[in-house]
Amino acid sequence: MSALHRALADMHEQLWDDDCGMVRLYGLHLVRETALGAFLDLESGRVERARRALREVLKHQYPMDADPRWAGTFKTHAAQPDAGTLDKDGRLLDREWRDYDPNWRQFLGVILAMVERHYGHVLGDAMRGHLNVAVRLAAESEPVSRISPGYSNIALLHAWLGGEAGLDGSSRLVEGVAAQVSRDGDIAEYNSPTYDAISLFASCLLADFSTDANRRGLGTLVREKVAARLNIVWHPQMALQAGPYSRAYGLDPRLYVSLMSVLMAAIDVSAAGPSRLDNNTTHVHDLYFLPLFARVCAALRGVIAPQPVTAARRHEQRFGDVIATSLVEPNLILGWEHGRRTRFALDQYAPFAMYSRDGFLGVRTRADTAWVDVLEIAPKTFELRCARLEGPDVKHDTAALTIVASKSPITNDNEILFGEVTLQFPGIVVEVRLAR
């Protein structure tokens, strides 16, 4: 058992609430993590505790006759009020992502399907039947047009889940994702320290667990494309993935639990992670994916094998007018992007990130950001450009962008120097924030 597996096992024992039969974290009984904890318990032979946990999880799935926006999905935590009801102030609880999470159909549907596939024989016929019903409900309740092919991690999860349920509509999603990846050469939800891992996990489900040839082909295609990119942009000595990041919950995986770090650890590739795992560790709940990744993603072991960095290597990815560039050197990794104009997950966007042995620096958007470009104007010298949203309800802060750094950079007028890198921002006010 690896050190990370032991850390997860210890954490699970601390978070398990035996009175409620669920995982309790952040003061909440979390539904998805309880299901993942059941998989962990089954891996170690704790069948009865897993069965208890699964019974609790199944209680929190919305029925098919609920509102189509949340039918078949699951509450995120046990005490979450029912979507569609009124709160104490008379407000209707129907806001996506806050009052319900539609993606819990895909996450819980896949997790429960994997529990049934690997351990249904020890859970008993009754539980096996309940799991199969829940998985099918999660798949069949998904609205036909909600998931676009460019929403890569959820599209790939549903491509597999829909195949398991025999849904004809999911075949169009398979074709759409395959067309996008074939056209662009990589998934649309590009280079994300969290969602690359989910897309790779889904690609393994499709390639190795599907009976349909088109789904197997899609899984193989995604796995090959994402792995080829990671073999270039992953720095094995620093154990980090070079930017830019289409979606990132933090700028340094040494400060939060990144699912890509969890996946790399599952396939025995060196990956940076936080030095502590507790309630104050950002996204510590994502560590629960470790045993499922280890079980499902074994085929990645020979496919993802980044070589030591002895000379500079560069990777460029184009999506039409969008150009993302990664530069990996022995003692430095850089990533920057320009041309992105979508607002999808813009609050998680990191259009520039650099890491060295001495620290890191990155650019994050703000609530009023419309778009941001980073242009290379000389070796290791970059210029920031951005636009801000306009409208009667838009509030402009003094700063237009946030620069996050591990330590104080040298700051001049419209310019920051950080190690070998110069970041210029003529005409833009930025906030410089030190990472905790």
Protein backbone atom coordinates (compact mmCIF):
# COMPACT_ATOMS: atom_id res chain seq x y z
CA MET A 1 0.00 0.00 0.00
CA SER A 2 1.39 3.41 -0.99
CA ALA A 3 1.74 6.29 1.45
CA LEU A 4 -1.17 8.07 -0.23
CA HIS A 5 -3.38 4.98 0.07
CA ARG A 6 -2.51 4.79 3.76
CA ALA A 7 -3.25 8.50 4.19
CA LEU A 8 -6.66 8.02 2.56
CA ALA A 9 -7.42 4.97 4.72
CA ASP A 10 -6.55 6.94 7.85
CA MET A 11 -8.58 9.93 6.69
CA HIS A 12 -11.59 7.74 5.91
CA GLU A 13 -11.56 6.29 9.42
CA GLN A 14 -11.56 9.81 10.85
CA LEU A 15 -14.33 11.06 8.56
CA TRP A 16 -16.64 8.04 8.82
CA ASP A 17 -19.70 8.90 10.94
CA ASP A 18 -20.91 5.58 12.26
CA ASP A 19 -24.09 7.09 13.67
CA CYS A 20 -25.24 8.23 10.21
CA GLY A 21 -23.45 5.69 8.00
CA MET A 22 -21.86 8.43 5.88
CA VAL A 23 -18.63 10.36 5.37
CA ARG A 24 -18.73 13.67 7.24
CA LEU A 25 -16.46 16.46 5.97
CA TYR A 26 -16.71 20.25 6.16
CA GLY A 27 -19.53 19.65 8.65
CA LEU A 28 -21.62 17.91 5.95
CA HIS A 29 -22.50 14.29 5.22
CA LEU A 30 -21.28 14.13 1.61
CA VAL A 31 -23.12 11.82 -0.78
CA ARG A 32 -20.48 11.32 -3.51
CA GLU A 33 -17.64 10.80 -1.03
CA THR A 34 -19.77 8.30 0.91
CA ALA A 35 -20.17 6.29 -2.31
CA LEU A 36 -16.43 6.49 -3.00
CA GLY A 37 -15.77 5.54 0.62
CA ALA A 38 -17.94 2.45 0.10
CA PHE A 39 -15.71 1.46 -2.84
CA LEU A 40 -12.66 1.95 -0.59
CA ASP A 41 -14.24 -0.21 2.13
CA LEU A 42 -15.05 -2.94 -0.39
CA GLU A 43 -11.44 -2.91 -1.55
CA SER A 44 -10.37 -3.67 2.03
CA GLY A 45 -13.12 -6.20 2.74
CA ARG A 46 -15.39 -4.04 4.93
CA VAL A 47 -18.56 -5.22 3.19
CA GLU A 48 -21.16 -4.42 5.84
CA ARG A 49 -19.96 -0.84 6.31
CA ALA A 50 -19.97 -0.37 2.54
CA ARG A 51 -23.49 -1.75 2.33
CA ARG A 52 -24.63 0.71 5.02
CA ALA A 53 -23.03 3.60 3.17
CA LEU A 54 -24.62 2.62 -0.14
CA ARG A 55 -28.06 2.43 1.44
CA GLU A 56 -27.62 6.01 2.63
CA VAL A 57 -26.41 7.18 -0.78
CA LEU A 58 -29.39 5.67 -2.55
CA LYS A 59 -31.78 7.57 -0.26
CA HIS A 60 -30.59 10.85 -1.76
CA GLN A 61 -31.39 10.29 -5.45
CA TYR A 62 -34.24 12.32 -6.93
CA PRO A 63 -36.98 10.23 -8.62
CA MET A 64 -37.69 10.23 -12.35
CA ASP A 65 -40.92 12.20 -11.89
CA ALA A 66 -39.09 15.14 -10.27
CA ASP A 67 -38.41 18.33 -12.19
CA PRO A 68 -36.38 17.37 -15.32
CA ARG A 69 -33.58 19.70 -14.23
CA TRP A 70 -32.76 17.49 -11.24
CA ALA A 71 -34.62 14.22 -11.82
CA GLY A 72 -32.27 11.29 -11.31
CA THR A 73 -29.44 13.31 -9.81
CA PHE A 74 -28.37 13.10 -6.18
CA LYS A 75 -28.17 15.60 -3.38
CA THR A 76 -24.62 16.73 -2.74
CA HIS A 77 -25.03 16.29 1.01
CA ALA A 78 -27.62 14.64 3.21
CA ALA A 79 -29.00 17.85 4.75
CA GLN A 80 -29.38 19.68 1.44
CA PRO A 81 -33.00 20.88 1.16
CA ASP A 82 -35.05 19.31 -1.60
CA ALA A 83 -34.61 21.15 -4.90
CA GLY A 84 -37.85 22.85 -5.90
CA THR A 85 -38.99 23.62 -2.35
CA LEU A 86 -39.04 26.99 -0.59
CA ASP A 87 -36.48 28.05 1.97
CA LYS A 88 -37.39 29.82 5.22
CA ASP A 89 -37.39 33.18 3.39
CA GLY A 90 -39.72 31.92 0.65
CA ARG A 91 -36.99 31.64 -2.01
CA LEU A 92 -37.45 28.83 -4.50
CA LEU A 93 -34.53 26.39 -4.29
CA ASP A 94 -33.97 25.76 -7.98
CA ARG A 95 -30.57 27.27 -8.77
CA GLU A 96 -28.24 24.97 -10.67
CA TRP A 97 -24.93 24.18 -8.89
CA ARG A 98 -26.16 25.71 -5.63
CA ASP A 99 -29.49 23.97 -4.93
CA TYR A 100 -28.75 20.90 -7.06
CA ASP A 101 -25.85 19.56 -9.11
CA PRO A 102 -26.95 17.90 -12.38
CA ASN A 103 -23.50 16.36 -12.85
CA TRP A 104 -24.05 14.13 -9.81
CA ARG A 105 -26.03 11.96 -12.25
CA GLN A 106 -22.80 11.17 -14.06
CA PHE A 107 -20.48 11.03 -11.05
CA LEU A 108 -22.73 8.93 -8.82
CA GLY A 109 -24.04 6.87 -11.73
CA VAL A 110 -20.51 5.87 -12.75
CA ILE A 111 -19.32 5.27 -9.17
CA LEU A 112 -22.30 3.06 -8.35
CA ALA A 113 -21.92 1.19 -11.64
CA MET A 114 -18.28 0.45 -10.78
CA VAL A 115 -19.28 -0.68 -7.28
CA GLU A 116 -21.83 -3.07 -8.76
CA ARG A 117 -19.50 -4.33 -11.48
CA HIS A 118 -16.57 -5.06 -9.15
CA TYR A 119 -18.30 -5.93 -5.88
CA GLY A 120 -21.96 -6.65 -6.60
CA HIS A 121 -21.34 -10.34 -5.98
CA VAL A 122 -20.43 -9.70 -2.34
CA LEU A 123 -23.11 -7.07 -1.69
CA GLY A 124 -25.98 -9.46 -2.37
CA ASP A 125 -28.75 -9.61 -4.96
CA ALA A 126 -30.98 -7.03 -3.28
CA MET A 127 -28.31 -4.32 -3.11
CA ARG A 128 -27.12 -5.22 -6.59
CA GLY A 129 -30.63 -4.65 -7.90
CA HIS A 130 -30.94 -1.29 -6.13
CA LEU A 131 -27.61 -0.15 -7.58
CA ASN A 132 -28.62 -1.12 -11.11
CA VAL A 133 -31.91 0.77 -10.79
CA ALA A 134 -30.08 3.89 -9.51
CA VAL A 135 -27.53 3.75 -12.34
CA ARG A 136 -30.21 3.42 -14.97
CA LEU A 137 -32.25 6.26 -13.44
CA ALA A 138 -29.18 8.52 -13.43
CA ALA A 139 -28.55 7.79 -17.11
CA GLU A 140 -32.13 7.96 -18.37
CA SER A 141 -33.04 11.17 -16.55
CA GLU A 142 -30.28 13.22 -18.21
CA PRO A 143 -31.87 15.87 -20.50
CA VAL A 144 -30.90 15.22 -24.10
CA SER A 145 -29.43 18.66 -24.85
CA ARG A 146 -27.80 19.63 -21.52
CA ILE A 147 -24.30 18.21 -22.15
CA SER A 148 -22.32 19.58 -25.08
CA PRO A 149 -19.41 17.65 -26.63
CA GLY A 150 -17.08 20.41 -25.41
CA TYR A 151 -17.97 19.76 -21.76
CA SER A 152 -15.37 17.02 -21.94
CA ASN A 153 -15.31 15.36 -18.52
CA ILE A 154 -19.11 15.13 -18.16
CA ALA A 155 -19.63 14.31 -21.84
CA LEU A 156 -17.19 11.38 -21.61
CA LEU A 157 -18.68 10.10 -18.34
CA HIS A 158 -22.16 10.21 -19.85
CA ALA A 159 -20.98 8.60 -23.08
CA TRP A 160 -20.04 5.54 -21.03
CA LEU A 161 -23.01 5.72 -18.65
CA GLY A 162 -25.47 6.08 -21.53
CA GLY A 163 -23.91 3.09 -23.23
CA GLU A 164 -24.38 1.01 -20.09
CA ALA A 165 -28.06 1.99 -20.06
CA GLY A 166 -28.48 1.40 -23.80
CA LEU A 167 -29.56 4.98 -24.51
CA ASP A 168 -29.64 5.85 -28.21
CA GLY A 169 -29.29 9.58 -27.48
CA SER A 170 -25.87 9.10 -25.92
CA SER A 171 -24.55 7.82 -29.26
CA ARG A 172 -24.84 11.37 -30.63
CA LEU A 173 -22.70 12.56 -27.73
CA VAL A 174 -20.11 9.88 -28.55
CA GLU A 175 -20.01 11.06 -32.16
CA GLY A 176 -19.82 14.73 -31.13
CA VAL A 177 -16.91 14.26 -28.74
CA ALA A 178 -15.05 12.06 -31.23
CA ALA A 179 -15.49 14.70 -33.95
CA GLN A 180 -14.22 17.48 -31.66
CA VAL A 181 -11.14 15.55 -30.53
CA SER A 182 -10.36 14.37 -34.06
CA ARG A 183 -10.66 17.93 -35.38
CA ASP A 184 -8.68 19.70 -32.64
CA GLY A 185 -6.29 16.99 -31.51
CA ASP A 186 -7.21 17.20 -27.80
CA ILE A 187 -10.26 17.47 -25.55
CA ALA A 188 -11.99 20.86 -25.46
CA GLU A 189 -11.76 21.08 -21.66
CA TYR A 190 -8.05 21.41 -22.16
CA ASN A 191 -5.21 20.82 -19.70
CA SER A 192 -7.05 20.95 -16.39
CA PRO A 193 -5.31 19.66 -13.24
CA THR A 194 -8.68 18.38 -12.04
CA TYR A 195 -10.77 17.49 -15.08
CA ASP A 196 -8.03 15.90 -17.19
CA ALA A 197 -8.15 13.14 -14.59
CA ILE A 198 -11.91 12.66 -14.94
CA SER A 199 -11.64 12.66 -18.74
CA LEU A 200 -8.85 10.06 -18.60
CA PHE A 201 -10.86 7.99 -16.10
CA ALA A 202 -13.85 8.14 -18.45
CA SER A 203 -11.65 7.27 -21.43
CA CYS A 204 -10.55 4.10 -19.62
CA LEU A 205 -14.17 3.22 -18.89
CA LEU A 206 -15.00 3.67 -22.57
CA ALA A 207 -11.95 1.89 -23.97
CA ASP A 208 -11.83 -1.01 -21.52
CA PHE A 209 -15.37 -1.49 -20.20
CA SER A 210 -17.61 -0.75 -23.22
CA THR A 211 -19.10 -3.39 -25.48
CA ASP A 212 -19.85 -0.86 -28.23
CA ALA A 213 -17.08 -0.36 -30.83
CA ASN A 214 -17.71 3.39 -31.23
CA ARG A 215 -17.41 3.94 -27.49
CA ARG A 216 -14.25 1.86 -27.32
CA GLY A 217 -12.84 3.89 -30.19
CA LEU A 218 -13.65 7.18 -28.47
CA GLY A 219 -12.03 6.03 -25.24
CA THR A 220 -8.89 4.94 -27.07
CA LEU A 221 -8.71 8.23 -29.00
CA VAL A 222 -9.07 10.42 -25.90
CA ARG A 223 -6.63 8.32 -23.90
CA GLU A 224 -3.98 8.54 -26.62
CA LYS A 225 -4.36 12.29 -27.20
CA VAL A 226 -4.41 13.37 -23.55
CA ALA A 227 -1.60 10.99 -22.60
CA ALA A 228 0.58 12.24 -25.46
CA ARG A 229 0.14 15.82 -24.27
CA LEU A 230 0.82 14.93 -20.64
CA ASN A 231 4.01 13.13 -21.60
CA ILE A 232 5.28 16.51 -22.84
CA VAL A 233 3.83 18.99 -20.32
CA TRP A 234 4.29 16.91 -17.16
CA HIS A 235 7.61 17.69 -15.46
CA PRO A 236 8.52 14.48 -13.59
CA GLN A 237 11.25 16.05 -11.47
CA MET A 238 8.94 18.85 -10.29
CA ALA A 239 5.97 16.43 -10.38
CA LEU A 240 3.80 19.15 -11.91
CA GLN A 241 1.75 19.75 -15.05
CA ALA A 242 2.65 22.86 -17.06
CA GLY A 243 -0.12 25.36 -17.79
CA PRO A 244 -2.09 27.04 -19.17
CA TYR A 245 -5.12 25.57 -17.39
CA SER A 246 -8.61 25.78 -18.84
CA ARG A 247 -9.95 24.94 -15.36
CA ALA A 248 -8.01 24.90 -12.09
CA TYR A 249 -9.12 25.11 -8.47
CA GLY A 250 -5.70 26.36 -7.42
CA LEU A 251 -2.44 27.34 -9.01
CA ASP A 252 -0.15 24.93 -7.16
CA PRO A 253 -1.12 21.28 -6.53
CA ARG A 254 1.22 21.38 -3.55
CA LEU A 255 -1.43 23.54 -1.89
CA TYR A 256 -4.58 21.57 -2.80
CA VAL A 257 -5.63 18.09 -3.83
CA SER A 258 -5.51 17.97 -7.62
CA LEU A 259 -7.25 15.02 -9.25
CA MET A 260 -4.43 14.75 -11.79
CA SER A 261 -2.00 14.30 -8.90
CA VAL A 262 -4.33 11.63 -7.48
CA LEU A 263 -4.48 9.86 -10.84
CA MET A 264 -0.72 10.03 -11.36
CA ALA A 265 -0.18 8.58 -7.89
CA ALA A 266 -2.63 5.79 -8.74
CA ILE A 267 -0.48 4.78 -11.74
CA ASP A 268 2.83 5.29 -9.90
CA VAL A 269 3.94 8.52 -11.60
CA SER A 270 5.55 11.08 -9.31
CA ALA A 271 3.03 13.82 -8.51
CA ALA A 272 3.10 16.79 -6.15
CA GLY A 273 0.48 17.07 -3.45
CA PRO A 274 -0.24 19.03 -0.29
CA SER A 275 1.96 18.43 2.71
CA ARG A 276 -1.06 18.03 4.96
CA LEU A 277 -4.47 16.42 4.56
CA ASP A 278 -7.15 17.83 6.84
CA ASN A 279 -10.32 19.95 6.84
CA ASN A 280 -8.30 22.99 5.77
CA THR A 281 -6.80 21.32 2.68
CA THR A 282 -8.57 22.57 -0.45
CA HIS A 283 -10.43 19.77 -2.28
CA VAL A 284 -9.21 17.13 0.18
CA HIS A 285 -12.42 15.21 -0.64
CA ASP A 286 -11.05 14.46 -4.14
CA LEU A 287 -8.53 12.08 -2.59
CA TYR A 288 -11.43 9.61 -2.32
CA PHE A 289 -11.05 8.92 -6.07
CA LEU A 290 -7.69 7.19 -5.52
CA PRO A 291 -8.88 3.54 -5.22
CA LEU A 292 -11.31 3.90 -8.13
CA PHE A 293 -8.59 5.40 -10.34
CA ALA A 294 -6.19 2.62 -9.32
CA ARG A 295 -8.77 -0.02 -10.23
CA VAL A 296 -10.04 1.45 -13.53
CA CYS A 297 -7.03 3.28 -14.98
CA ALA A 298 -4.36 0.56 -14.90
CA ALA A 299 -4.05 0.74 -18.70
CA LEU A 300 -2.55 4.22 -18.35
CA ARG A 301 0.58 2.81 -16.71
CA GLY A 302 2.45 2.31 -19.95
CA VAL A 303 0.77 5.13 -21.84
CA ILE A 304 1.60 8.01 -19.47
CA ALA A 305 5.35 7.92 -18.88
CA PRO A 306 6.83 11.45 -18.95
CA GLN A 307 10.57 11.40 -19.45
CA PRO A 308 13.05 13.40 -17.34
CA VAL A 309 13.54 16.94 -18.60
CA THR A 310 17.11 17.27 -19.87
CA ALA A 311 16.38 19.86 -22.58
CA ALA A 312 13.57 22.31 -23.31
CA ARG A 313 10.41 20.85 -24.79
CA ARG A 314 7.48 22.86 -26.10
CA HIS A 315 3.86 21.97 -26.79
CA GLU A 316 1.36 24.09 -28.73
CA GLN A 317 -2.35 23.31 -28.93
CA ARG A 318 -4.81 25.16 -31.17
CA PHE A 319 -8.58 25.33 -30.95
CA GLY A 320 -9.41 27.60 -33.87
CA ASP A 321 -8.26 31.06 -32.78
CA VAL A 322 -7.22 29.82 -29.33
CA ILE A 323 -3.51 29.01 -28.97
CA ALA A 324 -2.20 27.39 -25.78
CA THR A 325 1.54 26.98 -25.34
CA SER A 326 3.50 25.04 -22.72
CA LEU A 327 7.26 25.27 -22.23
CA VAL A 328 9.03 22.70 -20.04
CA GLU A 329 12.68 23.21 -19.12
CA PRO A 330 14.89 21.43 -16.56
CA ASN A 331 14.34 24.14 -13.92
CA LEU A 332 11.26 25.98 -15.18
CA ILE A 333 7.79 25.27 -16.54
CA LEU A 334 5.62 27.89 -18.25
CA GLY A 335 2.19 27.96 -19.84
CA TRP A 336 0.24 30.74 -21.55
CA GLU A 337 -2.78 31.14 -23.81
CA HIS A 338 -4.51 33.71 -25.97
CA GLY A 339 -7.68 33.81 -28.03
CA ARG A 340 -10.15 32.22 -25.57
CA ARG A 341 -13.44 34.11 -25.59
CA THR A 342 -15.86 31.73 -23.88
CA ARG A 343 -17.09 32.48 -20.38
CA PHE A 344 -17.46 28.80 -19.48
CA ALA A 345 -15.72 28.25 -16.11
CA LEU A 346 -13.88 31.56 -16.57
CA ASP A 347 -13.54 31.93 -12.80
CA GLN A 348 -11.35 28.78 -12.84
CA TYR A 349 -9.27 29.85 -15.83
CA ALA A 350 -5.48 30.25 -15.49
CA PRO A 351 -4.19 31.75 -18.77
CA PHE A 352 -0.63 32.03 -17.43
CA ALA A 353 1.28 29.89 -14.94
CA MET A 354 4.97 29.47 -14.18
CA TYR A 355 6.81 27.24 -11.73
CA SER A 356 10.47 27.06 -10.80
CA ARG A 357 12.45 25.57 -7.95
CA ASP A 358 11.95 28.89 -6.15
CA GLY A 359 8.19 29.28 -6.42
CA PHE A 360 5.25 29.96 -8.74
CA LEU A 361 3.32 32.79 -10.33
CA GLY A 362 -0.04 32.69 -12.10
CA VAL A 363 -2.83 34.85 -13.51
CA ARG A 364 -6.47 34.47 -12.49
CA THR A 365 -9.57 36.25 -13.74
CA ARG A 366 -11.93 38.37 -11.66
CA ALA A 367 -15.72 38.63 -11.56
CA ASP A 368 -15.77 41.40 -14.19
CA THR A 369 -13.30 39.77 -16.61
CA ALA A 370 -14.61 39.32 -20.14
CA TRP A 371 -11.44 37.76 -21.56
CA VAL A 372 -7.69 37.75 -21.06
CA ASP A 373 -4.82 37.08 -23.47
CA VAL A 374 -1.17 36.36 -22.69
CA LEU A 375 1.29 37.01 -25.52
CA GLU A 376 4.95 36.03 -25.67
CA ILE A 377 6.77 39.18 -26.82
CA ALA A 378 10.33 37.93 -26.14
CA PRO A 379 11.84 34.81 -24.56
CA LYS A 380 10.31 34.53 -21.05
CA THR A 381 8.72 37.97 -21.40
CA PHE A 382 4.94 38.12 -21.67
CA GLU A 383 2.29 40.79 -22.08
CA LEU A 384 -1.17 40.66 -20.50
CA ARG A 385 -4.19 42.03 -22.33
CA CYS A 386 -7.79 41.84 -21.15
CA ALA A 387 -11.29 43.25 -21.52
CA ARG A 388 -13.89 43.77 -18.83
CA LEU A 389 -17.58 43.08 -18.90
CA GLU A 390 -19.90 46.00 -19.52
CA GLY A 391 -23.48 46.41 -18.39
CA PRO A 392 -25.69 48.04 -15.79
CA ASP A 393 -25.26 45.17 -13.32
CA VAL A 394 -21.48 44.82 -13.70
CA LYS A 395 -19.35 46.19 -10.88
CA HIS A 396 -15.75 47.02 -11.77
CA ASP A 397 -13.10 46.64 -9.09
CA THR A 398 -9.97 48.77 -9.27
CA ALA A 399 -7.96 45.75 -10.41
CA ALA A 400 -8.75 43.98 -13.67
CA LEU A 401 -6.84 40.75 -13.00
CA THR A 402 -5.29 38.91 -10.06
CA ILE A 403 -1.70 37.68 -10.05
CA VAL A 404 -1.06 34.97 -7.48
CA ALA A 405 2.52 34.36 -6.37
CA SER A 406 4.25 32.12 -3.87
CA LYS A 407 6.38 35.06 -2.73
CA SER A 408 6.56 38.78 -3.43
CA PRO A 409 7.73 39.53 -6.98
CA ILE A 410 9.70 42.59 -8.04
CA THR A 411 7.10 45.13 -9.11
CA ASN A 412 7.67 48.08 -11.44
CA ASP A 413 5.15 50.25 -13.27
CA ASN A 414 2.99 47.87 -15.30
CA GLU A 415 5.56 45.09 -14.93
CA ILE A 416 6.41 42.21 -12.62
CA LEU A 417 9.69 40.30 -12.50
CA PHE A 418 9.70 36.85 -10.96
CA GLY A 419 12.91 34.88 -11.38
CA GLU A 420 13.60 34.49 -15.09
CA VAL A 421 10.14 35.66 -16.12
CA THR A 422 8.85 39.16 -16.87
CA LEU A 423 5.11 39.78 -16.97
CA GLN A 424 4.02 43.12 -18.44
CA PHE A 425 0.52 44.60 -18.22
CA PRO A 426 0.46 48.05 -19.87
CA GLY A 427 -2.69 49.98 -19.04
CA ILE A 428 -4.02 47.27 -16.70
CA VAL A 429 -4.32 47.45 -12.93
CA VAL A 430 -3.61 44.10 -11.29
CA GLU A 431 -3.87 42.81 -7.73
CA VAL A 432 -0.86 40.82 -6.54
CA ARG A 433 -1.85 38.23 -3.97
CA LEU A 434 0.46 35.87 -2.09
CA ALA A 435 -0.66 32.26 -1.94
CA ARG A 436 -1.32 30.91 1.54
